[in-house]
Amino acid sequence: MKIDGVFSGGGVKAFVFIGALEAFEEKNLQFERVGGTSAGALLATFIAAGYKAKEMKELFLDLPLEFFLDQSKWSSMFPFLKWLTLYHTMGFYRGNNFENWLYQKLSEKGITSFADLPSATLKIVAADITYNRIIVFPDDLKKYYHIEPDYFPVATAVRSSISIPYFFRPSKLINPRTRQRSFVVDGMILSNFPLWIFDHNNKKRERPLLGMQLTDPKEYYHNKEMRNSIDMLRAVLGTMRKAYDTKYVSESIAKDILFFPVDDISPIDFSLSLEKKEALIDFGYHRTKKFLKKWP
């Protein structure tokens, strides 16, 4: 059976998605269209490019995640410099290693630009902090930036979506007509779980939609007790980040969301051990198997 899939952001926690994909393949569930934010966009891209769970597992288990933490030569030699240069660079790490690595892996499947993928099969969410808006690659490239989407590199779109503010440097989009430069960061600041991405004017869905979210469902419905101004700040930021997505989680397809509560691992733990990677994949596999027994 063919389905559509939406993957949330969550940094290195997204290893659970590989296990989930193993369970889907065993059930012969095939993704027709996929979309996501940040790490979810990365997994969606590998699926759209034709990678199978076994290939992803071998690839990511062998991958030293620290490779993606690329700094300038001077910052590597003198770690305190990355704090001094943060003011101008707006991110500790360049993100070039990640983009180049992803470009190579997609090229091995014959994918470089969006023209190499079937139309509308992959959608990647990011945030334009220059114009204060959610953007979807490749859909919004022509509309907002006068950029021809067919020739836009898929790896660059994913690199934009994973640009965690202050951690990775923002990606940049330059409008060739106006020369206006837009700074683009991780889509999670506006929509970390874009279930809305395949909605079209209230039309009936062509196929089932399954969402995969790296959190506990309770986090969507209330903030914990607020005892001080720090708790309030966290609640404000959480509301800003989740309010748009919560509407879809609570009102639309809650029964079609597979939640993966992973609280003991930081999304930016790029020193994740092989054992923890395997444990996340195993957790994703078994939780998905259990979910699919009841999923209509």
Protein backbone atom coordinates (compact mmCIF):
# COMPACT_ATOMS: atom_id res chain seq x y z
CA MET A 1 0.00 0.00 0.00
CA LYS A 2 1.21 3.51 -0.81
CA ILE A 3 1.08 6.26 1.81
CA ASP A 4 2.35 9.81 2.35
CA GLY A 5 4.69 10.55 5.24
CA VAL A 6 5.63 13.62 7.27
CA PHE A 7 8.67 13.56 9.56
CA SER A 8 9.32 15.99 12.41
CA GLY A 9 12.59 17.56 13.36
CA GLY A 10 14.56 16.33 16.34
CA GLY A 11 18.26 16.27 15.51
CA VAL A 12 20.09 13.01 16.19
CA LYS A 13 16.94 11.52 17.72
CA ALA A 14 15.87 10.91 14.12
CA PHE A 15 17.74 7.60 14.16
CA VAL A 16 14.39 6.18 15.32
CA PHE A 17 13.00 6.90 11.85
CA ILE A 18 15.38 4.34 10.35
CA GLY A 19 13.90 1.66 12.59
CA ALA A 20 10.40 2.84 11.70
CA LEU A 21 11.26 2.54 8.01
CA GLU A 22 12.37 -1.07 8.57
CA ALA A 23 8.94 -1.85 10.01
CA PHE A 24 7.17 -0.10 7.13
CA GLU A 25 9.10 -2.10 4.56
CA GLU A 26 8.20 -5.35 6.31
CA LYS A 27 4.53 -4.37 6.00
CA ASN A 28 5.07 -3.37 2.35
CA LEU A 29 4.07 0.22 3.07
CA GLN A 30 5.65 2.46 0.44
CA PHE A 31 5.93 6.24 0.59
CA GLU A 32 4.55 8.03 -2.44
CA ARG A 33 5.22 11.54 -1.08
CA VAL A 34 7.36 12.61 1.87
CA GLY A 35 8.07 15.84 3.66
CA GLY A 36 9.64 17.08 6.82
CA THR A 37 11.55 19.61 8.84
CA SER A 38 15.23 19.55 9.83
CA ALA A 39 16.34 15.95 10.59
CA GLY A 40 12.91 14.83 9.38
CA ALA A 41 13.63 16.55 6.06
CA LEU A 42 16.89 14.61 5.83
CA LEU A 43 15.19 11.24 6.31
CA ALA A 44 12.42 12.21 3.91
CA THR A 45 15.04 13.11 1.31
CA PHE A 46 16.78 9.75 1.60
CA ILE A 47 13.43 8.00 1.16
CA ALA A 48 12.56 10.12 -1.89
CA ALA A 49 15.98 9.35 -3.38
CA GLY A 50 15.29 5.63 -3.17
CA TYR A 51 17.37 4.62 -0.16
CA LYS A 52 16.09 1.58 1.73
CA ALA A 53 16.20 1.12 5.49
CA LYS A 54 19.13 -1.30 5.31
CA GLU A 55 21.19 1.17 3.28
CA MET A 56 20.40 4.02 5.66
CA LYS A 57 21.23 1.90 8.66
CA GLU A 58 24.65 0.96 7.30
CA LEU A 59 25.32 4.53 6.21
CA PHE A 60 24.38 6.30 9.44
CA LEU A 61 25.75 3.75 11.87
CA ASP A 62 29.19 4.04 10.28
CA LEU A 63 29.00 7.83 10.05
CA PRO A 64 30.94 9.87 12.66
CA LEU A 65 28.47 12.70 13.29
CA GLU A 66 31.26 14.98 14.53
CA PHE A 67 32.31 15.26 10.87
CA PHE A 68 29.42 17.69 10.36
CA LEU A 69 30.74 20.09 13.00
CA ASP A 70 33.01 21.96 10.61
CA GLN A 71 34.70 25.08 11.91
CA SER A 72 37.22 27.45 10.44
CA LYS A 73 40.87 26.45 10.73
CA TRP A 74 41.51 29.07 13.40
CA SER A 75 38.48 28.14 15.45
CA SER A 76 39.59 24.52 15.43
CA MET A 77 43.00 25.52 16.72
CA PHE A 78 41.69 28.03 19.26
CA PRO A 79 38.21 26.94 20.44
CA PHE A 80 37.47 30.25 22.18
CA LEU A 81 37.53 31.97 18.78
CA LYS A 82 34.25 30.36 17.73
CA TRP A 83 32.56 32.30 20.54
CA LEU A 84 34.23 35.52 19.43
CA THR A 85 33.23 35.06 15.80
CA LEU A 86 29.67 33.97 16.55
CA TYR A 87 28.52 37.61 16.45
CA HIS A 88 29.36 37.88 12.75
CA THR A 89 28.99 34.29 11.53
CA MET A 90 25.67 33.66 13.36
CA GLY A 91 26.57 30.00 13.86
CA PHE A 92 29.33 27.88 15.38
CA TYR A 93 29.54 25.48 12.45
CA ARG A 94 29.56 26.13 8.73
CA GLY A 95 27.36 23.29 7.51
CA ASN A 96 29.50 22.81 4.39
CA ASN A 97 30.60 19.30 5.34
CA PHE A 98 26.99 18.23 5.76
CA GLU A 99 25.86 19.72 2.44
CA ASN A 100 28.78 18.25 0.48
CA TRP A 101 28.31 14.83 2.08
CA LEU A 102 24.59 14.83 1.32
CA TYR A 103 25.17 16.00 -2.26
CA GLN A 104 27.50 13.03 -2.77
CA LYS A 105 25.09 10.50 -1.25
CA LEU A 106 22.19 11.76 -3.35
CA SER A 107 24.34 11.79 -6.48
CA GLU A 108 24.96 8.08 -5.97
CA LYS A 109 21.22 7.62 -6.59
CA GLY A 110 21.20 10.00 -9.55
CA ILE A 111 19.68 12.88 -7.58
CA THR A 112 21.19 16.37 -7.56
CA SER A 113 18.36 18.85 -8.17
CA PHE A 114 14.59 18.72 -7.67
CA ALA A 115 14.20 18.01 -11.40
CA ASP A 116 15.63 14.55 -10.73
CA LEU A 117 12.68 13.66 -8.48
CA PRO A 118 9.08 13.01 -9.53
CA SER A 119 7.04 16.20 -9.17
CA ALA A 120 5.70 17.00 -5.68
CA THR A 121 7.14 13.87 -4.07
CA LEU A 122 9.49 15.71 -1.67
CA LYS A 123 8.78 18.84 0.38
CA ILE A 124 11.28 20.40 2.77
CA VAL A 125 10.34 23.00 5.38
CA ALA A 126 12.60 25.84 6.53
CA ALA A 127 12.19 29.33 8.01
CA ASP A 128 13.06 32.60 6.26
CA ILE A 129 13.99 34.91 9.16
CA THR A 130 14.51 37.88 6.83
CA TYR A 131 10.87 37.88 5.67
CA ASN A 132 9.42 36.11 8.73
CA ARG A 133 7.80 33.20 6.92
CA ILE A 134 7.74 29.47 6.53
CA ILE A 135 9.14 28.34 3.21
CA VAL A 136 8.69 25.01 1.48
CA PHE A 137 11.31 23.72 -0.94
CA PRO A 138 10.87 23.50 -3.87
CA ASP A 139 7.35 25.02 -3.96
CA ASP A 140 8.17 28.54 -2.77
CA LEU A 141 11.41 29.12 -4.66
CA LYS A 142 9.73 30.60 -7.75
CA LYS A 143 6.98 32.44 -5.88
CA TYR A 144 9.10 34.22 -3.30
CA TYR A 145 12.64 34.26 -4.71
CA HIS A 146 12.37 34.03 -8.52
CA ILE A 147 14.57 30.93 -8.39
CA GLU A 148 13.89 28.10 -10.84
CA PRO A 149 13.07 25.14 -8.55
CA ASP A 150 13.99 22.40 -11.03
CA TYR A 151 17.65 23.36 -10.91
CA PHE A 152 17.91 23.97 -7.19
CA PRO A 153 20.13 21.43 -5.37
CA VAL A 154 18.21 19.15 -3.01
CA ALA A 155 21.20 19.05 -0.66
CA THR A 156 21.11 22.84 -0.31
CA ALA A 157 17.42 22.75 0.61
CA VAL A 158 18.05 20.14 3.33
CA ARG A 159 21.08 22.06 4.59
CA SER A 160 18.79 25.10 4.98
CA SER A 161 16.23 23.09 6.91
CA ILE A 162 18.77 21.68 9.39
CA SER A 163 20.38 25.05 10.19
CA ILE A 164 19.71 25.11 13.94
CA PRO A 165 19.99 28.79 14.98
CA TYR A 166 23.43 29.66 16.41
CA PHE A 167 24.55 26.03 16.00
CA PHE A 168 24.84 25.98 12.20
CA ARG A 169 25.25 29.16 10.20
CA PRO A 170 22.12 30.29 8.36
CA SER A 171 21.74 29.32 4.75
CA LYS A 172 21.26 32.14 2.24
CA LEU A 173 18.87 32.59 -0.68
CA ILE A 174 19.52 35.43 -3.13
CA ASN A 175 16.75 36.66 -5.36
CA PRO A 176 18.36 36.99 -8.84
CA ARG A 177 16.00 39.86 -9.79
CA THR A 178 16.17 42.04 -6.71
CA ARG A 179 19.50 40.78 -5.28
CA GLN A 180 17.75 40.67 -1.92
CA ARG A 181 19.41 38.19 0.43
CA SER A 182 17.31 36.04 2.75
CA PHE A 183 18.68 34.20 5.76
CA VAL A 184 17.16 30.74 6.15
CA VAL A 185 17.30 28.58 9.28
CA ASP A 186 15.91 25.37 10.72
CA GLY A 187 12.20 25.07 9.98
CA MET A 188 11.56 23.87 13.52
CA ILE A 189 11.32 27.46 14.78
CA LEU A 190 8.01 27.84 12.91
CA SER A 191 6.80 24.34 12.07
CA ASN A 192 8.66 21.38 13.47
CA PHE A 193 5.99 18.89 12.43
CA PRO A 194 4.42 20.12 9.14
CA LEU A 195 1.39 17.84 8.85
CA TRP A 196 -0.25 20.55 6.77
CA ILE A 197 2.27 20.20 3.97
CA PHE A 198 0.15 17.99 1.70
CA ASP A 199 -3.17 19.78 2.32
CA HIS A 200 -4.82 21.25 -0.77
CA ASN A 201 -7.96 23.37 -0.27
CA ASN A 202 -9.78 20.78 1.82
CA LYS A 203 -9.58 18.20 -0.95
CA LYS A 204 -9.94 14.58 0.04
CA ARG A 205 -6.60 12.88 0.56
CA GLU A 206 -5.47 10.65 -2.29
CA ARG A 207 -3.88 8.17 0.12
CA PRO A 208 -3.35 7.72 3.85
CA LEU A 209 -1.07 10.21 5.58
CA LEU A 210 1.16 9.06 8.43
CA GLY A 211 3.00 11.52 10.65
CA MET A 212 6.07 10.67 12.70
CA GLN A 213 6.88 12.92 15.61
CA LEU A 214 9.92 12.83 17.89
CA THR A 215 8.20 13.79 21.14
CA ASP A 216 5.61 12.75 23.67
CA PRO A 217 2.06 13.67 22.56
CA LYS A 218 1.42 15.35 25.94
CA GLU A 219 3.90 18.07 25.04
CA TYR A 220 1.51 19.36 22.43
CA TYR A 221 -1.40 20.03 24.72
CA HIS A 222 -0.01 21.82 27.77
CA ASN A 223 3.04 23.41 29.30
CA LYS A 224 4.32 22.18 32.61
CA GLU A 225 3.73 24.18 35.76
CA MET A 226 5.22 27.67 35.55
CA ARG A 227 6.89 28.74 38.77
CA ASN A 228 9.16 31.56 37.58
CA SER A 229 10.16 33.76 34.66
CA ILE A 230 12.49 31.10 33.21
CA ASP A 231 9.60 28.62 33.04
CA MET A 232 7.50 31.33 31.41
CA LEU A 233 10.16 32.03 28.78
CA ARG A 234 10.35 28.34 27.92
CA ALA A 235 6.57 28.20 27.64
CA VAL A 236 6.49 31.27 25.38
CA LEU A 237 9.15 29.86 23.07
CA GLY A 238 7.45 26.46 23.05
CA THR A 239 4.10 28.04 22.18
CA MET A 240 5.68 30.01 19.34
CA ARG A 241 7.26 26.85 17.97
CA LYS A 242 4.35 24.46 18.37
CA ALA A 243 1.13 26.48 18.11
CA TYR A 244 0.81 26.19 14.33
CA ASP A 245 1.46 22.44 14.36
CA THR A 246 -0.77 21.77 17.37
CA LYS A 247 -3.85 22.72 15.39
CA TYR A 248 -3.23 19.80 13.05
CA VAL A 249 -2.19 17.36 15.76
CA SER A 250 -5.30 17.94 17.84
CA GLU A 251 -7.94 18.55 15.20
CA SER A 252 -7.00 16.58 12.14
CA ILE A 253 -5.16 13.28 12.11
CA ALA A 254 -4.13 12.45 15.69
CA LYS A 255 -4.91 8.78 15.09
CA ASP A 256 -2.44 8.79 12.20
CA ILE A 257 0.54 10.10 14.18
CA LEU A 258 3.28 7.84 15.41
CA PHE A 259 4.91 9.46 18.46
CA PHE A 260 8.44 8.60 19.54
CA PRO A 261 9.09 10.02 23.03
CA VAL A 262 12.87 10.27 23.30
CA ASP A 263 13.76 12.46 26.26
CA ASP A 264 17.16 11.18 27.38
CA ILE A 265 19.12 12.29 24.30
CA SER A 266 19.90 15.83 23.20
CA PRO A 267 19.04 16.68 19.57
CA ILE A 268 22.55 18.10 19.13
CA ASP A 269 24.49 15.22 20.71
CA PHE A 270 26.79 14.70 17.73
CA SER A 271 29.02 12.44 19.82
CA LEU A 272 26.28 9.81 19.96
CA SER A 273 27.78 6.34 20.49
CA LEU A 274 27.18 3.38 18.23
CA GLU A 275 25.23 1.68 21.03
CA LYS A 276 22.87 4.64 21.39
CA LYS A 277 22.37 4.86 17.63
CA GLU A 278 21.43 1.17 17.54
CA ALA A 279 19.16 1.58 20.55
CA LEU A 280 17.28 4.44 18.85
CA ILE A 281 16.84 2.42 15.66
CA ASP A 282 15.62 -0.57 17.65
CA PHE A 283 13.18 1.62 19.60
CA GLY A 284 11.80 3.05 16.37
CA TYR A 285 11.38 -0.41 14.87
CA HIS A 286 9.51 -1.97 17.80
CA ARG A 287 7.33 1.08 18.48
CA THR A 288 6.31 1.20 14.82
CA LYS A 289 5.55 -2.55 14.73
CA LYS A 290 3.24 -2.08 17.71
CA PHE A 291 1.57 0.96 16.14
CA LEU A 292 0.94 -0.78 12.80
CA LYS A 293 -0.99 -3.59 14.51
CA LYS A 294 -3.77 -1.08 15.27
CA TRP A 295 -3.34 1.47 12.52
CA PRO A 296 -6.27 1.21 10.07
